[in-house]
Amino acid sequence: MATKRMTRKQQQEAAKALHTCRECTSSYDWHEKGADGRPFMCRCAYHKEGKFSKFLSDPQCEHFNRRMKNGKATEAE
């Protein structure tokens, strides 16, 4: 399986990020389930207008908005 390569700048940004795409309200169409049965890919309204998939584990971007459930922030699912 191919691994995702990140530049040094991307690694530093990922280390600073507190949240991931999995916790964002802009992520939708979760797909590509892994061996454990959990999805690991999604689409984002801000990432090339939703044309391309992103990893749910990608660090948060400038459009990040925390998912809410019953008025409270949810943990990673």
C-alpha atoms as a PDB file:
ATOM      1  CA  MET A   1       0.000   0.000   0.000  1.00  0.00           C
ATOM      2  CA  ALA A   2       1.339   3.434  -0.898  1.00  0.00           C
ATOM      3  CA  THR A   3       2.059   5.870   1.891  1.00  0.00           C
ATOM      4  CA  LYS A   4       1.165   9.523   1.847  1.00  0.00           C
ATOM      5  CA  ARG A   5       4.282  11.721   1.637  1.00  0.00           C
ATOM      6  CA  MET A   6       4.261  15.135   3.296  1.00  0.00           C
ATOM      7  CA  THR A   7       6.691  18.024   2.933  1.00  0.00           C
ATOM      8  CA  ARG A   8       8.397  19.432   5.993  1.00  0.00           C
ATOM      9  CA  LYS A   9       6.021  22.411   5.965  1.00  0.00           C
ATOM     10  CA  GLN A  10       2.985  20.106   5.808  1.00  0.00           C
ATOM     11  CA  GLN A  11       4.371  18.057   8.702  1.00  0.00           C
ATOM     12  CA  GLN A  12       4.793  21.196  10.802  1.00  0.00           C
ATOM     13  CA  GLU A  13       1.254  22.350  10.005  1.00  0.00           C
ATOM     14  CA  ALA A  14      -0.109  18.909  10.855  1.00  0.00           C
ATOM     15  CA  ALA A  15       1.686  18.991  14.201  1.00  0.00           C
ATOM     16  CA  LYS A  16       0.088  22.376  14.987  1.00  0.00           C
ATOM     17  CA  ALA A  17      -3.406  21.257  13.954  1.00  0.00           C
ATOM     18  CA  LEU A  18      -5.652  20.289  16.825  1.00  0.00           C
ATOM     19  CA  HIS A  19      -8.424  18.715  14.764  1.00  0.00           C
ATOM     20  CA  THR A  20      -8.923  16.619  11.642  1.00  0.00           C
ATOM     21  CA  CYS A  21     -11.363  16.561   8.737  1.00  0.00           C
ATOM     22  CA  ARG A  22     -13.301  13.818  10.585  1.00  0.00           C
ATOM     23  CA  GLU A  23     -14.413  16.459  13.117  1.00  0.00           C
ATOM     24  CA  CYS A  24     -15.417  19.123  10.546  1.00  0.00           C
ATOM     25  CA  THR A  25     -18.952  20.003   9.423  1.00  0.00           C
ATOM     26  CA  SER A  26     -17.729  20.520   5.836  1.00  0.00           C
ATOM     27  CA  SER A  27     -16.747  16.858   5.402  1.00  0.00           C
ATOM     28  CA  TYR A  28     -19.417  14.756   3.738  1.00  0.00           C
ATOM     29  CA  ASP A  29     -19.794  11.579   1.667  1.00  0.00           C
ATOM     30  CA  TRP A  30     -17.564   9.487   3.912  1.00  0.00           C
ATOM     31  CA  HIS A  31     -16.461   6.488   1.850  1.00  0.00           C
ATOM     32  CA  GLU A  32     -13.679   3.936   1.218  1.00  0.00           C
ATOM     33  CA  LYS A  33     -13.988   1.785   4.305  1.00  0.00           C
ATOM     34  CA  GLY A  34     -10.816   0.285   5.724  1.00  0.00           C
ATOM     35  CA  ALA A  35     -10.191  -3.191   7.083  1.00  0.00           C
ATOM     36  CA  ASP A  36     -11.734  -2.186  10.408  1.00  0.00           C
ATOM     37  CA  GLY A  37     -14.987  -1.121   8.693  1.00  0.00           C
ATOM     38  CA  ARG A  38     -14.554   2.600   9.345  1.00  0.00           C
ATOM     39  CA  PRO A  39     -14.459   5.072   6.433  1.00  0.00           C
ATOM     40  CA  PHE A  40     -11.177   6.915   5.864  1.00  0.00           C
ATOM     41  CA  MET A  41     -11.983   9.185   2.892  1.00  0.00           C
ATOM     42  CA  CYS A  42     -14.407  12.093   2.542  1.00  0.00           C
ATOM     43  CA  ARG A  43     -15.309  15.008   0.331  1.00  0.00           C
ATOM     44  CA  CYS A  44     -15.086  18.646   1.379  1.00  0.00           C
ATOM     45  CA  ALA A  45     -17.079  21.575   0.005  1.00  0.00           C
ATOM     46  CA  TYR A  46     -13.941  23.747   0.106  1.00  0.00           C
ATOM     47  CA  HIS A  47     -11.477  21.251  -1.396  1.00  0.00           C
ATOM     48  CA  LYS A  48     -11.724  21.831  -5.171  1.00  0.00           C
ATOM     49  CA  GLU A  49     -15.491  22.379  -4.776  1.00  0.00           C
ATOM     50  CA  GLY A  50     -16.015  18.789  -3.599  1.00  0.00           C
ATOM     51  CA  LYS A  51     -14.633  17.154  -6.749  1.00  0.00           C
ATOM     52  CA  PHE A  52     -11.822  15.248  -5.047  1.00  0.00           C
ATOM     53  CA  SER A  53     -11.563  13.077  -1.955  1.00  0.00           C
ATOM     54  CA  LYS A  54      -9.567  13.877   1.179  1.00  0.00           C
ATOM     55  CA  PHE A  55      -8.396  11.703   4.040  1.00  0.00           C
ATOM     56  CA  LEU A  56     -10.500  12.012   7.183  1.00  0.00           C
ATOM     57  CA  SER A  57      -7.218  12.147   9.103  1.00  0.00           C
ATOM     58  CA  ASP A  58      -5.977  15.276   7.267  1.00  0.00           C
ATOM     59  CA  PRO A  59      -5.282  18.249   9.550  1.00  0.00           C
ATOM     60  CA  GLN A  60      -7.851  21.012   9.829  1.00  0.00           C
ATOM     61  CA  CYS A  61      -7.841  23.825   7.266  1.00  0.00           C
ATOM     62  CA  GLU A  62      -8.805  27.491   7.468  1.00  0.00           C
ATOM     63  CA  HIS A  63     -12.477  26.548   6.829  1.00  0.00           C
ATOM     64  CA  PHE A  64     -12.689  24.206   9.842  1.00  0.00           C
ATOM     65  CA  ASN A  65     -15.958  24.290  11.785  1.00  0.00           C
ATOM     66  CA  ARG A  66     -16.400  21.767  14.611  1.00  0.00           C
ATOM     67  CA  ARG A  67     -19.238  19.221  14.309  1.00  0.00           C
ATOM     68  CA  MET A  68     -21.958  19.621  16.903  1.00  0.00           C
ATOM     69  CA  LYS A  69     -24.353  17.034  18.303  1.00  0.00           C
ATOM     70  CA  ASN A  70     -27.157  18.130  20.624  1.00  0.00           C
ATOM     71  CA  GLY A  71     -25.444  21.489  21.081  1.00  0.00           C
ATOM     72  CA  LYS A  72     -22.141  19.946  22.170  1.00  0.00           C
ATOM     73  CA  ALA A  73     -18.943  19.368  20.225  1.00  0.00           C
ATOM     74  CA  THR A  74     -18.544  15.711  19.291  1.00  0.00           C
ATOM     75  CA  GLU A  75     -15.477  13.554  19.626  1.00  0.00           C
ATOM     76  CA  ALA A  76     -13.957  11.754  16.647  1.00  0.00           C
ATOM     77  CA  GLU A  77     -16.264   8.951  15.555  1.00  0.00           C
END
